[in-house]
Amino acid sequence: MNEIMNPCVWRQRREDTMQEAERARLVRSLRADRKKRTTRTFSLAWELRRMAGLLLKSFRRLESRKGVRP
């Protein structure tokens, strides 16, 4: 148990740990980015629907005014 470990084994172990930590960071980053993207997509879709509704409302008003004016 009290043997001295080979320096190559220590380096390999450190590299493995670093790679594992980097993978974990990337996974967390991708998850967070995915959550942000869905929120942005929802907001964008909501804004587009709202603008389309306002446009249609204004077109309907114009159509109704055409019939009123001689």
N, C-alpha and C. Protein backbone atom coordinates (compact mmCIF):
# COMPACT_ATOMS: atom_id res chain seq x y z
N MET A 1 0.81 -1.19 0.00
CA MET A 1 0.00 0.00 0.00
C MET A 1 0.86 1.26 0.00
N ASN A 2 1.97 1.21 0.66
CA ASN A 2 2.84 2.37 0.77
C ASN A 2 3.87 2.43 -0.35
N GLU A 3 3.56 1.80 -1.43
CA GLU A 3 4.49 1.82 -2.56
C GLU A 3 4.47 3.18 -3.24
N ILE A 4 5.57 3.52 -3.87
CA ILE A 4 5.64 4.76 -4.62
C ILE A 4 5.06 4.47 -6.00
N MET A 5 4.13 5.31 -6.42
CA MET A 5 3.51 5.10 -7.73
C MET A 5 4.39 5.65 -8.83
N ASN A 6 4.30 5.06 -9.94
CA ASN A 6 5.03 5.48 -11.13
C ASN A 6 4.54 6.87 -11.55
N PRO A 7 5.44 7.81 -11.86
CA PRO A 7 5.03 9.16 -12.28
C PRO A 7 4.13 9.14 -13.53
N CYS A 8 4.34 8.19 -14.41
CA CYS A 8 3.49 8.09 -15.60
C CYS A 8 2.05 7.79 -15.22
N VAL A 9 1.88 6.95 -14.21
CA VAL A 9 0.53 6.61 -13.74
C VAL A 9 -0.13 7.86 -13.15
N TRP A 10 0.63 8.64 -12.39
CA TRP A 10 0.07 9.86 -11.82
C TRP A 10 -0.35 10.84 -12.92
N ARG A 11 0.52 11.00 -13.92
CA ARG A 11 0.18 11.91 -15.03
C ARG A 11 -1.07 11.44 -15.76
N GLN A 12 -1.13 10.14 -16.04
CA GLN A 12 -2.30 9.59 -16.73
C GLN A 12 -3.58 9.81 -15.91
N ARG A 13 -3.46 9.58 -14.60
CA ARG A 13 -4.61 9.75 -13.73
C ARG A 13 -5.06 11.21 -13.71
N ARG A 14 -4.09 12.13 -13.66
CA ARG A 14 -4.41 13.57 -13.67
C ARG A 14 -5.09 13.96 -14.99
N GLU A 15 -4.55 13.47 -16.12
CA GLU A 15 -5.15 13.77 -17.42
C GLU A 15 -6.57 13.25 -17.51
N ASP A 16 -6.80 12.04 -17.02
CA ASP A 16 -8.15 11.47 -17.03
C ASP A 16 -9.12 12.31 -16.21
N THR A 17 -8.64 12.74 -15.05
CA THR A 17 -9.49 13.57 -14.18
C THR A 17 -9.79 14.91 -14.85
N MET A 18 -8.80 15.50 -15.47
CA MET A 18 -9.00 16.78 -16.16
C MET A 18 -9.99 16.64 -17.32
N GLN A 19 -9.86 15.56 -18.09
CA GLN A 19 -10.79 15.33 -19.20
C GLN A 19 -12.21 15.12 -18.69
N GLU A 20 -12.33 14.41 -17.61
CA GLU A 20 -13.66 14.16 -17.03
C GLU A 20 -14.29 15.48 -16.55
N ALA A 21 -13.49 16.32 -15.93
CA ALA A 21 -13.98 17.62 -15.47
C ALA A 21 -14.39 18.49 -16.65
N GLU A 22 -13.61 18.47 -17.72
CA GLU A 22 -13.94 19.26 -18.91
C GLU A 22 -15.23 18.77 -19.55
N ARG A 23 -15.40 17.45 -19.62
CA ARG A 23 -16.65 16.89 -20.16
C ARG A 23 -17.84 17.33 -19.32
N ALA A 24 -17.70 17.30 -18.01
CA ALA A 24 -18.79 17.71 -17.11
C ALA A 24 -19.13 19.19 -17.33
N ARG A 25 -18.10 20.03 -17.51
CA ARG A 25 -18.34 21.46 -17.78
C ARG A 25 -19.09 21.66 -19.08
N LEU A 26 -18.68 20.92 -20.11
CA LEU A 26 -19.36 21.03 -21.40
C LEU A 26 -20.81 20.59 -21.32
N VAL A 27 -21.07 19.52 -20.61
CA VAL A 27 -22.44 19.03 -20.46
C VAL A 27 -23.30 20.08 -19.77
N ARG A 28 -22.78 20.66 -18.68
CA ARG A 28 -23.52 21.70 -17.97
C ARG A 28 -23.76 22.91 -18.86
N SER A 29 -22.76 23.28 -19.63
CA SER A 29 -22.88 24.43 -20.52
C SER A 29 -23.94 24.17 -21.59
N LEU A 30 -23.93 22.98 -22.16
CA LEU A 30 -24.92 22.66 -23.19
C LEU A 30 -26.34 22.64 -22.62
N ARG A 31 -26.49 22.10 -21.43
CA ARG A 31 -27.81 22.10 -20.80
C ARG A 31 -28.31 23.51 -20.56
N ALA A 32 -27.44 24.36 -20.03
CA ALA A 32 -27.83 25.75 -19.76
C ALA A 32 -28.17 26.47 -21.06
N ASP A 33 -27.38 26.23 -22.09
CA ASP A 33 -27.62 26.86 -23.38
C ASP A 33 -28.95 26.40 -23.96
N ARG A 34 -29.26 25.13 -23.82
CA ARG A 34 -30.52 24.59 -24.33
C ARG A 34 -31.70 25.25 -23.63
N LYS A 35 -31.59 25.45 -22.32
CA LYS A 35 -32.67 26.10 -21.56
C LYS A 35 -32.85 27.54 -22.03
N LYS A 36 -31.75 28.26 -22.23
CA LYS A 36 -31.83 29.64 -22.70
C LYS A 36 -32.47 29.70 -24.08
N ARG A 37 -32.06 28.77 -24.94
CA ARG A 37 -32.55 28.76 -26.31
C ARG A 37 -34.06 28.55 -26.35
N THR A 38 -34.59 27.63 -25.53
CA THR A 38 -36.03 27.38 -25.54
C THR A 38 -36.78 28.60 -25.04
N THR A 39 -36.23 29.29 -24.05
CA THR A 39 -36.88 30.50 -23.55
C THR A 39 -36.89 31.58 -24.62
N ARG A 40 -35.75 31.74 -25.30
CA ARG A 40 -35.68 32.73 -26.38
C ARG A 40 -36.63 32.39 -27.51
N THR A 41 -36.68 31.10 -27.87
CA THR A 41 -37.55 30.67 -28.95
C THR A 41 -39.00 30.93 -28.60
N PHE A 42 -39.38 30.61 -27.35
CA PHE A 42 -40.74 30.85 -26.91
C PHE A 42 -41.06 32.34 -26.97
N SER A 43 -40.15 33.18 -26.49
CA SER A 43 -40.37 34.63 -26.49
C SER A 43 -40.49 35.16 -27.92
N LEU A 44 -39.63 34.68 -28.79
CA LEU A 44 -39.68 35.13 -30.18
C LEU A 44 -40.99 34.72 -30.84
N ALA A 45 -41.42 33.47 -30.62
CA ALA A 45 -42.68 33.01 -31.20
C ALA A 45 -43.84 33.82 -30.66
N TRP A 46 -43.82 34.11 -29.36
CA TRP A 46 -44.89 34.88 -28.75
C TRP A 46 -44.94 36.28 -29.36
N GLU A 47 -43.79 36.93 -29.52
CA GLU A 47 -43.74 38.27 -30.11
C GLU A 47 -44.23 38.25 -31.56
N LEU A 48 -43.84 37.24 -32.32
CA LEU A 48 -44.29 37.17 -33.71
C LEU A 48 -45.80 37.01 -33.79
N ARG A 49 -46.36 36.14 -32.93
CA ARG A 49 -47.82 35.97 -32.93
C ARG A 49 -48.52 37.27 -32.54
N ARG A 50 -47.95 37.98 -31.57
CA ARG A 50 -48.55 39.24 -31.12
C ARG A 50 -48.54 40.27 -32.25
N MET A 51 -47.40 40.38 -32.93
CA MET A 51 -47.30 41.34 -34.04
C MET A 51 -48.24 40.97 -35.19
N ALA A 52 -48.33 39.67 -35.47
CA ALA A 52 -49.24 39.23 -36.53
C ALA A 52 -50.68 39.56 -36.16
N GLY A 53 -51.03 39.36 -34.90
CA GLY A 53 -52.38 39.69 -34.45
C GLY A 53 -52.67 41.17 -34.58
N LEU A 54 -51.71 42.01 -34.20
CA LEU A 54 -51.91 43.46 -34.33
C LEU A 54 -52.04 43.87 -35.79
N LEU A 55 -51.25 43.25 -36.66
CA LEU A 55 -51.34 43.55 -38.09
C LEU A 55 -52.71 43.18 -38.65
N LEU A 56 -53.17 41.98 -38.30
CA LEU A 56 -54.49 41.55 -38.76
C LEU A 56 -55.59 42.46 -38.24
N LYS A 57 -55.46 42.89 -37.00
CA LYS A 57 -56.44 43.79 -36.42
C LYS A 57 -56.49 45.11 -37.19
N SER A 58 -55.31 45.64 -37.55
CA SER A 58 -55.29 46.90 -38.29
C SER A 58 -55.85 46.71 -39.70
N PHE A 59 -55.59 45.57 -40.33
CA PHE A 59 -56.16 45.31 -41.66
C PHE A 59 -57.68 45.22 -41.58
N ARG A 60 -58.18 44.59 -40.54
CA ARG A 60 -59.65 44.49 -40.38
C ARG A 60 -60.26 45.88 -40.21
N ARG A 61 -59.59 46.74 -39.45
CA ARG A 61 -60.09 48.11 -39.28
C ARG A 61 -60.13 48.83 -40.62
N LEU A 62 -59.08 48.67 -41.41
CA LEU A 62 -59.04 49.32 -42.73
C LEU A 62 -60.17 48.81 -43.62
N GLU A 63 -60.42 47.51 -43.58
CA GLU A 63 -61.49 46.93 -44.38
C GLU A 63 -62.85 47.45 -43.93
N SER A 64 -63.05 47.57 -42.65
CA SER A 64 -64.34 48.06 -42.15
C SER A 64 -64.51 49.53 -42.49
N ARG A 65 -63.46 50.30 -42.51
CA ARG A 65 -63.56 51.73 -42.87
C ARG A 65 -63.85 51.92 -44.34
N LYS A 66 -63.39 51.03 -45.17
CA LYS A 66 -63.63 51.14 -46.61
C LYS A 66 -65.12 51.07 -46.89
N GLY A 67 -65.82 50.22 -46.17
CA GLY A 67 -67.25 50.07 -46.38
C GLY A 67 -68.03 51.27 -45.87
N VAL A 68 -67.54 52.02 -44.89
CA VAL A 68 -68.24 53.14 -44.28
C VAL A 68 -68.13 54.39 -45.14
N ARG A 69 -66.98 54.63 -45.69
CA ARG A 69 -66.77 55.84 -46.50
C ARG A 69 -67.39 55.69 -47.88
N PRO A 70 -68.02 56.76 -48.34
CA PRO A 70 -68.63 56.71 -49.69
C PRO A 70 -67.64 56.84 -50.82
